[in-house]
Protein backbone atom coordinates (compact mmCIF):
# COMPACT_ATOMS: atom_id res chain seq x y z
CA MET A 1 13.50 1.18 14.27
CA SER A 2 14.13 3.31 17.32
CA ARG A 3 11.65 3.45 20.16
CA ARG A 4 11.24 7.20 19.66
CA LYS A 5 10.33 6.76 15.99
CA THR A 6 7.96 3.88 16.75
CA GLU A 7 6.16 5.99 19.33
CA ARG A 8 5.96 8.94 16.93
CA LEU A 9 4.47 6.74 14.17
CA LEU A 10 1.97 5.21 16.57
CA ASN A 11 0.99 8.65 17.85
CA LEU A 12 0.57 9.86 14.27
CA VAL A 13 -1.75 6.94 13.47
CA ILE A 14 -3.78 7.58 16.63
CA CYS A 15 -4.01 11.29 15.85
CA LEU A 16 -5.16 10.70 12.27
CA LEU A 17 -7.67 8.05 13.32
CA ALA A 18 -9.13 10.13 16.14
CA THR A 19 -9.76 13.33 14.19
CA ARG A 20 -13.21 14.10 12.85
CA ARG A 21 -11.85 16.43 10.19
CA PRO A 22 -8.63 16.43 8.20
CA LEU A 23 -5.69 18.04 10.00
CA SER A 24 -3.08 20.25 8.37
CA ALA A 25 0.57 19.36 8.70
CA GLU A 26 1.00 22.23 11.14
CA GLN A 27 -1.85 20.96 13.33
CA ILE A 28 -0.30 17.51 13.29
CA ARG A 29 3.08 18.99 14.18
CA HIS A 30 1.64 20.45 17.37
CA ALA A 31 -0.55 17.44 18.24
CA VAL A 32 1.95 14.60 17.77
CA PRO A 33 4.81 14.32 20.26
CA GLY A 34 8.15 14.11 18.48
CA TYR A 35 7.38 16.66 15.79
CA ASP A 36 7.05 19.80 17.87
CA ARG A 37 10.74 20.30 18.66
CA ASP A 38 12.15 20.27 15.13
CA GLY A 39 12.62 23.16 12.73
CA ASP A 40 10.27 23.65 9.79
CA GLU A 41 12.41 21.86 7.19
CA ALA A 42 13.27 18.98 9.51
CA PHE A 43 9.62 18.55 10.42
CA GLN A 44 8.53 18.49 6.76
CA ARG A 45 11.13 15.83 5.88
CA MET A 46 10.27 13.72 8.91
CA PHE A 47 6.52 14.02 8.31
CA GLU A 48 6.90 12.99 4.65
CA ARG A 49 9.07 9.99 5.62
CA ASP A 50 6.59 8.96 8.30
CA LYS A 51 3.60 9.17 5.93
CA ASN A 52 5.48 7.10 3.35
CA GLU A 53 6.46 4.46 5.92
CA LEU A 54 2.90 4.14 7.17
CA ARG A 55 1.57 3.81 3.63
CA GLU A 56 4.21 1.16 2.85
CA ILE A 57 2.90 -1.01 5.69
CA GLY A 58 -0.66 -0.58 4.47
CA ILE A 59 -2.02 2.28 6.55
CA PRO A 60 -4.19 4.41 4.26
CA ILE A 61 -3.54 8.10 4.91
CA ASP A 62 -5.98 10.27 3.01
CA VAL A 63 -4.97 13.67 1.67
CA VAL A 64 -7.97 15.99 1.58
CA ARG A 65 -7.90 19.22 -0.37
CA ASP A 66 -10.44 21.69 0.93
CA PRO A 67 -11.07 24.61 -1.44
CA TRP A 68 -11.32 26.93 1.58
CA GLU A 69 -7.93 25.95 3.00
CA GLU A 70 -4.45 26.65 1.63
CA GLU A 71 -2.86 23.45 2.88
CA PRO A 72 -4.14 19.90 2.43
CA GLY A 73 -5.48 18.00 5.41
CA TYR A 74 -4.65 14.46 6.48
CA ARG A 75 -6.70 11.73 8.13
CA ILE A 76 -7.18 7.98 8.30
CA GLN A 77 -10.73 6.81 7.71
CA ARG A 78 -11.55 4.11 10.22
CA GLN A 79 -13.39 1.95 7.67
CA SER A 80 -10.34 1.69 5.42
CA TYR A 81 -8.00 1.04 8.36
CA GLU A 82 -9.87 -1.66 10.26
CA LEU A 83 -9.22 -5.29 9.49
CA PRO A 84 -12.08 -7.43 8.24
CA GLU A 85 -13.67 -9.90 10.64
CA ILE A 86 -11.45 -12.91 11.29
CA THR A 87 -13.16 -16.23 10.74
CA LEU A 88 -11.38 -19.53 11.22
CA GLU A 89 -12.49 -23.03 10.38
CA PRO A 90 -12.41 -25.46 13.33
CA ASP A 91 -9.25 -27.12 12.01
CA GLU A 92 -7.50 -23.73 11.68
CA ALA A 93 -8.42 -22.83 15.26
CA ALA A 94 -7.09 -26.23 16.37
CA VAL A 95 -3.77 -25.60 14.62
CA LEU A 96 -3.44 -22.24 16.38
CA GLY A 97 -4.11 -23.91 19.71
CA LEU A 98 -1.52 -26.59 18.97
CA ALA A 99 1.04 -23.99 17.89
CA ALA A 100 0.49 -22.08 21.12
CA GLN A 101 1.14 -25.24 23.12
CA VAL A 102 4.34 -25.95 21.18
CA TRP A 103 5.57 -22.39 21.66
CA GLN A 104 4.83 -22.31 25.38
CA ARG A 105 8.38 -23.45 26.01
CA ALA A 106 9.92 -21.56 23.12
CA SER A 107 11.06 -17.95 22.90
CA LEU A 108 7.85 -16.96 21.10
CA ALA A 109 5.55 -18.18 23.88
CA GLU A 110 4.55 -14.66 24.90
CA ALA A 111 3.77 -13.65 21.30
CA ALA A 112 1.75 -16.84 20.72
CA SER A 113 -0.26 -16.34 23.90
CA GLY A 114 -0.88 -12.72 22.97
CA ALA A 115 -2.07 -13.72 19.50
CA LEU A 116 -4.51 -16.26 20.94
CA LEU A 117 -5.77 -13.72 23.45
CA LYS A 118 -6.45 -11.23 20.65
CA LEU A 119 -8.27 -13.87 18.61
CA ARG A 120 -10.43 -14.81 21.60
CA ALA A 121 -11.17 -11.13 22.24
CA GLY A 122 -12.30 -10.88 18.62
CA GLY A 123 -14.77 -13.70 19.19
CA VAL A 124 -12.77 -16.51 17.58
CA ALA A 125 -12.97 -19.81 19.47
CA THR A 126 -9.56 -21.47 19.71
CA ASP A 127 -9.01 -25.10 20.67
CA GLU A 128 -6.07 -25.42 23.04
CA THR A 129 -6.86 -29.02 24.02
CA VAL A 130 -5.43 -30.47 20.81
CA GLY A 131 -2.28 -32.43 21.37
């Protein structure tokens, strides 16, 4: 996936998460960088593809039909988007710590360290002394 598309998808998710009310496609077009420079048909195709891709990876985009509006609105409800709390048993945390040590010299060392950092930030105690 191109960097431009990745940024557009991320910006779309942020936009739909941050809104307090559903946004029309036209409002999204003006709010999300990457949509505003295309023609109407191109925007509609791109927006439909982007919504489908996000749904395929599990991001729940709600379509809200307001009887007072002509067009539907879109949003992502935070409760349906957030992951549940991560809880690990002590042996699972130990395995993660061991895996991080093994990967310190491998090409995935940065990803492993980042994963452990995110777990610690979420309040999960990891045991890096195993080994």
